[in-house]
Amino acid sequence: MRVILAQPRGFCAGVERAIEVVDKSIQVFGSPVFVRHEIVHNQHVVDDLRAKGAIFVDDVDEIPESAPVVFSAHGVSKAVKAKAKNRSLRAVDATCPLVTKVHRQVLRLHRLGYEILLIGHAGHPEVEGTLGQLSGGIQLVEDIEDAQRAKVSDASKVAYVTQTTLSLDDTTKIVQVLRRRFPSLQSPPTDDICYATQNRQLTVKRLAEIVDVVIVIGAANSSNSNRLVEVARSVGVAAHRVSSADELRPDWFSNKRTVGLTAGASVPEVLVTGVVNYLRDKFGANVEEDAEGTPEDVYFPMPPELRAAGAGQTQL
């Protein structure tokens, strides 16, 4: 068996930053530090941070007044931030800067009088946070059917933004439908689908043409990981998502000579190593890095709250 490790794979800059934010917050404020929702969609990461002193909650109402709280990489609504302020919580915002960029686009478009269509998946934390930037004037479009029935009051003042972890191909098809219906549709000034999502999808699409099966490591609730599976299958190759090596099934590799292995943007490399070790032990696999891949070198700085704290100003 030949195993090709996708490049890039695993942690993106936004995820690395979010994890570092929780680590740094524990150092600055001491334990416990509360985190609203999973900081990123990966149980291994959540468990590791919990062991260090993070407490994960569903709502800021569960947090004692004046305690430190970190908002997850997916972003939060204005209402959540207001509630945290009313409870005097020491808030540190770990929202990915690329998600923050979408929030700013929404507010700018709203000020200019546009009705906004948000392409994304209902119930995803990022979508809830983006919808929560406005009290009205924004509607969710999940698929082509939604795009075909979306209603606006002024077709000349319509714009769209997207969730950052969508399928490139699916989003393109949805936008095509919207643009046919609303020829004046305003596009984002830059592509909302994040660089890491795009890079991983394009890499998987390329690998899927030369491998017999693709394995994607990622959580069941990880949007970008699920999209990688869809991308591989769209090329016609078998693809499976697992949270770790424990979920691998030997029959997936029956008569498979070449395996493509990738990981979602919230997945630590230790989980990739676990799958590699499984394939080596079970099938004697030879493992190689994707020779055509390009490593990422994006870095996002710490939020200003922690930069100030690092300078000795521990009161937020």
Protein backbone atom coordinates (compact mmCIF):
# COMPACT_ATOMS: atom_id res chain seq x y z
CA MET A 1 0.00 0.00 0.00
CA ARG A 2 1.11 3.53 -0.83
CA VAL A 3 -0.17 6.37 1.39
CA ILE A 4 0.08 9.97 0.21
CA LEU A 5 -0.18 12.60 2.96
CA ALA A 6 -2.01 15.66 1.67
CA GLN A 7 -0.20 18.98 1.85
CA PRO A 8 -1.59 21.16 3.32
CA ARG A 9 -3.63 19.33 5.94
CA GLY A 10 -4.66 19.78 9.56
CA PHE A 11 -4.45 22.95 11.61
CA CYS A 12 -5.02 26.27 9.86
CA ALA A 13 -3.84 29.62 11.20
CA GLY A 14 -7.25 30.44 12.70
CA VAL A 15 -7.36 27.18 14.65
CA GLU A 16 -3.77 27.53 15.85
CA ARG A 17 -4.59 31.04 17.04
CA ALA A 18 -7.78 29.95 18.83
CA ILE A 19 -5.98 27.18 20.74
CA GLU A 20 -3.17 29.57 21.62
CA VAL A 21 -5.75 32.09 22.86
CA VAL A 22 -7.14 29.58 25.36
CA ASP A 23 -3.64 28.53 26.48
CA LYS A 24 -2.58 32.15 26.92
CA SER A 25 -5.80 33.05 28.75
CA ILE A 26 -5.19 30.27 31.27
CA GLN A 27 -1.66 31.61 31.82
CA VAL A 28 -2.88 35.19 32.27
CA PHE A 29 -6.03 34.66 34.32
CA GLY A 30 -5.36 31.31 35.93
CA SER A 31 -7.69 28.33 35.94
CA PRO A 32 -10.52 28.06 35.18
CA VAL A 33 -11.05 29.95 31.95
CA PHE A 34 -14.50 29.49 30.44
CA VAL A 35 -14.95 28.87 26.72
CA ARG A 36 -18.30 29.37 25.00
CA HIS A 37 -18.87 26.28 22.86
CA GLU A 38 -16.05 24.12 21.55
CA ILE A 39 -13.11 26.37 20.75
CA VAL A 40 -12.76 24.37 17.50
CA HIS A 41 -14.57 21.25 16.29
CA ASN A 42 -12.21 18.58 17.56
CA GLN A 43 -12.69 16.50 20.72
CA HIS A 44 -8.96 15.78 21.11
CA VAL A 45 -8.23 19.52 21.22
CA VAL A 46 -11.15 20.20 23.58
CA ASP A 47 -10.08 17.43 25.98
CA ASP A 48 -6.50 18.68 26.00
CA LEU A 49 -7.58 22.23 26.86
CA ARG A 50 -10.01 20.96 29.47
CA ALA A 51 -7.14 19.15 31.19
CA LYS A 52 -5.24 22.45 31.30
CA GLY A 53 -8.07 24.30 33.01
CA ALA A 54 -10.63 25.30 30.38
CA ILE A 55 -14.33 24.84 31.09
CA PHE A 56 -16.59 24.63 28.05
CA VAL A 57 -20.14 25.98 28.34
CA ASP A 58 -23.08 26.38 25.98
CA ASP A 59 -24.13 29.81 27.20
CA VAL A 60 -22.48 32.72 28.99
CA ASP A 61 -25.26 32.54 31.61
CA GLU A 62 -23.44 29.47 32.95
CA ILE A 63 -20.33 31.52 33.72
CA PRO A 64 -19.80 33.23 37.11
CA GLU A 65 -19.83 37.02 36.93
CA SER A 66 -16.48 38.70 36.23
CA ALA A 67 -14.90 35.39 35.14
CA PRO A 68 -12.77 35.18 31.97
CA VAL A 69 -14.48 33.84 28.85
CA VAL A 70 -13.10 32.99 25.41
CA PHE A 71 -15.34 33.14 22.35
CA SER A 72 -14.69 30.29 19.93
CA ALA A 73 -13.04 30.52 16.51
CA HIS A 74 -16.47 30.32 14.85
CA GLY A 75 -17.52 33.76 16.12
CA VAL A 76 -20.53 34.88 18.16
CA SER A 77 -23.52 37.13 17.73
CA LYS A 78 -23.71 40.69 19.04
CA ALA A 79 -26.26 39.47 21.58
CA VAL A 80 -23.76 37.04 23.10
CA LYS A 81 -21.14 39.78 23.41
CA ALA A 82 -23.69 42.10 25.01
CA LYS A 83 -24.72 39.43 27.49
CA ALA A 84 -21.08 38.83 28.42
CA LYS A 85 -20.57 42.55 28.96
CA ASN A 86 -23.68 42.78 31.15
CA ARG A 87 -22.27 40.01 33.34
CA SER A 88 -18.91 41.82 33.57
CA LEU A 89 -17.13 38.85 32.00
CA ARG A 90 -13.54 39.37 30.92
CA ALA A 91 -14.05 38.46 27.27
CA VAL A 92 -11.29 37.35 24.92
CA ASP A 93 -12.38 36.96 21.31
CA ALA A 94 -10.76 34.00 19.51
CA THR A 95 -12.93 34.44 16.41
CA CYS A 96 -10.94 33.59 13.29
CA PRO A 97 -10.00 36.87 11.56
CA LEU A 98 -11.46 35.52 8.32
CA VAL A 99 -14.84 35.08 10.05
CA THR A 100 -14.53 38.56 11.54
CA LYS A 101 -13.99 39.82 7.98
CA VAL A 102 -17.38 38.36 6.99
CA HIS A 103 -19.03 40.02 10.02
CA ARG A 104 -17.62 43.38 8.93
CA GLN A 105 -18.85 42.84 5.37
CA VAL A 106 -22.36 42.16 6.71
CA LEU A 107 -22.38 45.36 8.75
CA ARG A 108 -20.99 47.42 5.86
CA LEU A 109 -23.50 46.05 3.35
CA HIS A 110 -26.35 46.65 5.78
CA ARG A 111 -25.28 50.28 6.25
CA LEU A 112 -25.30 50.69 2.46
CA GLY A 113 -28.89 49.46 2.29
CA TYR A 114 -28.34 45.99 0.86
CA GLU A 115 -30.43 42.94 1.66
CA ILE A 116 -27.95 40.18 2.46
CA LEU A 117 -28.03 36.49 1.52
CA LEU A 118 -25.80 34.31 3.70
CA ILE A 119 -24.80 31.06 2.00
CA GLY A 120 -24.19 28.50 4.74
CA HIS A 121 -25.51 25.65 6.87
CA ALA A 122 -28.28 26.23 9.41
CA GLY A 123 -27.24 25.57 12.99
CA HIS A 124 -23.50 25.87 12.40
CA PRO A 125 -21.94 28.14 15.06
CA GLU A 126 -20.30 30.33 12.44
CA VAL A 127 -23.61 30.87 10.65
CA GLU A 128 -25.38 31.67 13.92
CA GLY A 129 -22.72 34.22 14.73
CA THR A 130 -22.94 35.87 11.31
CA LEU A 131 -26.74 35.97 11.35
CA GLY A 132 -26.50 37.51 14.81
CA GLN A 133 -24.62 40.56 13.55
CA LEU A 134 -27.97 42.03 12.47
CA SER A 135 -31.49 41.97 13.86
CA GLY A 136 -32.92 41.73 10.34
CA GLY A 137 -32.08 42.19 6.66
CA ILE A 138 -30.18 38.92 6.26
CA GLN A 139 -31.50 35.51 5.19
CA LEU A 140 -29.88 32.10 5.04
CA VAL A 141 -29.43 30.22 1.75
CA GLU A 142 -28.40 26.60 2.31
CA ASP A 143 -28.65 25.10 -1.16
CA ILE A 144 -29.76 25.59 -4.74
CA GLU A 145 -33.42 25.14 -3.77
CA ASP A 146 -33.13 27.98 -1.24
CA ALA A 147 -31.44 30.11 -3.89
CA GLN A 148 -34.32 29.47 -6.30
CA ARG A 149 -36.97 30.61 -3.80
CA ALA A 150 -35.18 33.44 -1.98
CA LYS A 151 -37.28 36.62 -1.91
CA VAL A 152 -35.99 40.19 -1.68
CA SER A 153 -37.79 43.53 -1.70
CA ASP A 154 -35.36 45.25 -4.10
CA ALA A 155 -33.49 43.06 -6.59
CA SER A 156 -31.10 45.92 -7.37
CA LYS A 157 -29.78 46.03 -3.78
CA VAL A 158 -28.86 42.42 -2.97
CA ALA A 159 -25.51 41.08 -1.81
CA TYR A 160 -24.22 37.74 -0.61
CA VAL A 161 -21.63 36.52 1.88
CA THR A 162 -20.71 32.94 2.73
CA GLN A 163 -19.75 30.68 5.58
CA THR A 164 -15.98 30.26 5.39
CA THR A 165 -15.91 26.44 5.37
CA LEU A 166 -18.17 25.61 2.42
CA SER A 167 -17.57 23.51 -0.66
CA LEU A 168 -16.11 25.66 -3.42
CA ASP A 169 -18.07 23.83 -6.12
CA ASP A 170 -21.41 23.87 -4.27
CA THR A 171 -21.07 27.55 -3.43
CA THR A 172 -20.31 28.40 -7.05
CA LYS A 173 -23.48 26.64 -8.17
CA ILE A 174 -25.60 28.47 -5.58
CA VAL A 175 -24.13 31.84 -6.57
CA GLN A 176 -24.85 31.09 -10.24
CA VAL A 177 -28.53 30.56 -9.42
CA LEU A 178 -28.67 33.73 -7.34
CA ARG A 179 -26.98 35.76 -10.06
CA ARG A 180 -29.46 34.53 -12.68
CA ARG A 181 -32.31 35.65 -10.43
CA PHE A 182 -30.66 38.87 -9.25
CA PRO A 183 -28.33 40.19 -12.00
CA SER A 184 -27.18 43.08 -9.79
CA LEU A 185 -26.07 40.69 -7.02
CA GLN A 186 -23.13 42.21 -5.13
CA SER A 187 -20.21 39.83 -4.52
CA PRO A 188 -17.85 40.02 -1.53
CA PRO A 189 -14.78 42.16 -2.28
CA THR A 190 -12.70 39.02 -1.69
CA ASP A 191 -13.65 35.35 -1.54
CA ASP A 192 -15.25 34.54 1.83
CA ILE A 193 -14.35 30.84 1.72
CA CYS A 194 -11.12 30.79 3.68
CA TYR A 195 -7.71 30.08 2.19
CA ALA A 196 -7.30 26.90 4.28
CA THR A 197 -10.65 25.48 3.18
CA GLN A 198 -9.83 26.21 -0.46
CA ASN A 199 -6.31 24.78 -0.24
CA ARG A 200 -7.47 21.54 1.39
CA GLN A 201 -10.32 21.04 -1.06
CA LEU A 202 -8.15 21.67 -4.11
CA THR A 203 -5.49 19.29 -2.76
CA VAL A 204 -8.06 16.54 -2.12
CA LYS A 205 -9.54 17.01 -5.59
CA ARG A 206 -6.09 16.58 -7.11
CA LEU A 207 -5.21 13.54 -4.98
CA ALA A 208 -8.59 11.93 -5.63
CA GLU A 209 -7.61 11.56 -9.28
CA ILE A 210 -4.60 9.35 -8.46
CA VAL A 211 -5.65 7.37 -5.35
CA ASP A 212 -8.10 4.51 -4.75
CA VAL A 213 -9.58 5.83 -1.51
CA VAL A 214 -9.40 9.06 0.51
CA ILE A 215 -9.42 9.12 4.31
CA VAL A 216 -10.37 12.41 5.94
CA ILE A 217 -9.64 12.88 9.64
CA GLY A 218 -12.10 15.25 11.27
CA ALA A 219 -15.00 15.50 13.69
CA ALA A 220 -18.53 14.62 12.62
CA ASN A 221 -19.60 18.24 13.27
CA SER A 222 -16.66 19.75 11.38
CA SER A 223 -18.01 21.47 8.28
CA ASN A 224 -14.68 21.72 6.48
CA SER A 225 -13.90 18.02 7.13
CA ASN A 226 -17.27 16.90 5.78
CA ARG A 227 -16.75 19.06 2.70
CA LEU A 228 -13.42 17.27 2.04
CA VAL A 229 -15.26 13.94 1.92
CA GLU A 230 -17.82 15.40 -0.50
CA VAL A 231 -15.10 16.83 -2.73
CA ALA A 232 -13.34 13.47 -2.99
CA ARG A 233 -16.56 11.62 -3.76
CA SER A 234 -17.49 14.21 -6.38
CA VAL A 235 -14.42 13.10 -8.35
CA GLY A 236 -15.65 9.51 -8.16
CA VAL A 237 -13.32 8.04 -5.53
CA ALA A 238 -14.36 6.33 -2.30
CA ALA A 239 -13.91 8.58 0.73
CA HIS A 240 -14.46 8.15 4.47
CA ARG A 241 -14.33 10.49 7.45
CA VAL A 242 -12.99 9.32 10.82
CA SER A 243 -12.38 11.15 14.08
CA SER A 244 -9.32 8.99 14.77
CA ALA A 245 -7.67 5.70 13.82
CA ASP A 246 -10.11 3.89 16.11
CA GLU A 247 -12.89 4.41 13.55
CA LEU A 248 -11.01 2.94 10.57
CA ARG A 249 -12.44 -0.22 8.99
CA PRO A 250 -10.14 -2.75 7.30
CA ASP A 251 -12.67 -3.44 4.52
CA TRP A 252 -12.30 0.16 3.30
CA PHE A 253 -8.81 -0.78 2.10
CA SER A 254 -9.62 -4.08 0.41
CA ASN A 255 -7.94 -4.09 -3.00
CA LYS A 256 -6.85 -0.47 -2.49
CA ARG A 257 -3.24 0.14 -3.47
CA THR A 258 -3.03 3.92 -3.05
CA VAL A 259 -4.58 5.89 -0.16
CA GLY A 260 -4.88 9.67 0.10
CA LEU A 261 -4.83 10.89 3.70
CA THR A 262 -5.85 14.38 4.78
CA ALA A 263 -7.17 16.15 7.86
CA GLY A 264 -9.62 18.97 8.49
CA ALA A 265 -8.48 22.39 9.68
CA SER A 266 -9.21 21.58 13.36
CA VAL A 267 -7.23 18.33 13.46
CA PRO A 268 -3.88 18.03 15.31
CA GLU A 269 -1.07 16.14 13.60
CA VAL A 270 -1.05 13.51 16.36
CA LEU A 271 -4.32 12.12 14.94
CA VAL A 272 -2.77 11.89 11.48
CA THR A 273 0.14 9.98 13.00
CA GLY A 274 -2.33 7.54 14.57
CA VAL A 275 -3.89 6.75 11.18
CA VAL A 276 -0.46 6.43 9.56
CA ASN A 277 0.62 3.96 12.24
CA TYR A 278 -2.57 1.93 11.72
CA LEU A 279 -1.96 1.67 7.97
CA ARG A 280 1.67 0.73 8.48
CA ASP A 281 0.89 -1.92 11.09
CA LYS A 282 -2.13 -3.38 9.28
CA PHE A 283 -1.05 -3.16 5.65
CA GLY A 284 2.69 -2.45 5.68
CA ALA A 285 2.01 0.90 4.04
CA ASN A 286 4.73 3.08 2.59
CA VAL A 287 3.98 6.69 3.51
CA GLU A 288 5.05 9.77 1.56
CA GLU A 289 4.31 13.49 1.61
CA ASP A 290 2.34 14.99 -1.28
CA ALA A 291 5.14 16.15 -3.55
CA GLU A 292 2.97 18.73 -5.32
CA GLY A 293 1.59 20.28 -2.14
CA THR A 294 2.50 23.70 -0.81
CA PRO A 295 2.86 24.28 2.94
CA GLU A 296 0.96 27.22 4.43
CA ASP A 297 2.75 30.00 6.29
CA VAL A 298 -0.19 32.18 7.39
CA TYR A 299 -0.10 33.57 10.93
CA PHE A 300 -2.73 35.53 12.84
CA PRO A 301 -1.60 37.57 15.88
CA MET A 302 -3.14 37.30 19.33
CA PRO A 303 -6.27 39.40 20.01
CA PRO A 304 -5.56 42.83 21.54
CA GLU A 305 -6.95 41.76 24.93
CA LEU A 306 -4.18 39.20 25.36
CA ARG A 307 -1.50 41.39 23.83
CA ALA A 308 -2.30 43.98 26.51
CA ALA A 309 -2.33 41.30 29.18
CA GLY A 310 1.03 40.04 28.00
CA ALA A 311 2.38 43.52 28.54
CA GLY A 312 1.37 43.31 32.17
CA GLN A 313 -2.16 44.72 31.96
CA THR A 314 -4.06 41.73 33.30
CA GLN A 315 -7.32 43.61 33.90
CA LEU A 316 -9.57 43.50 30.86
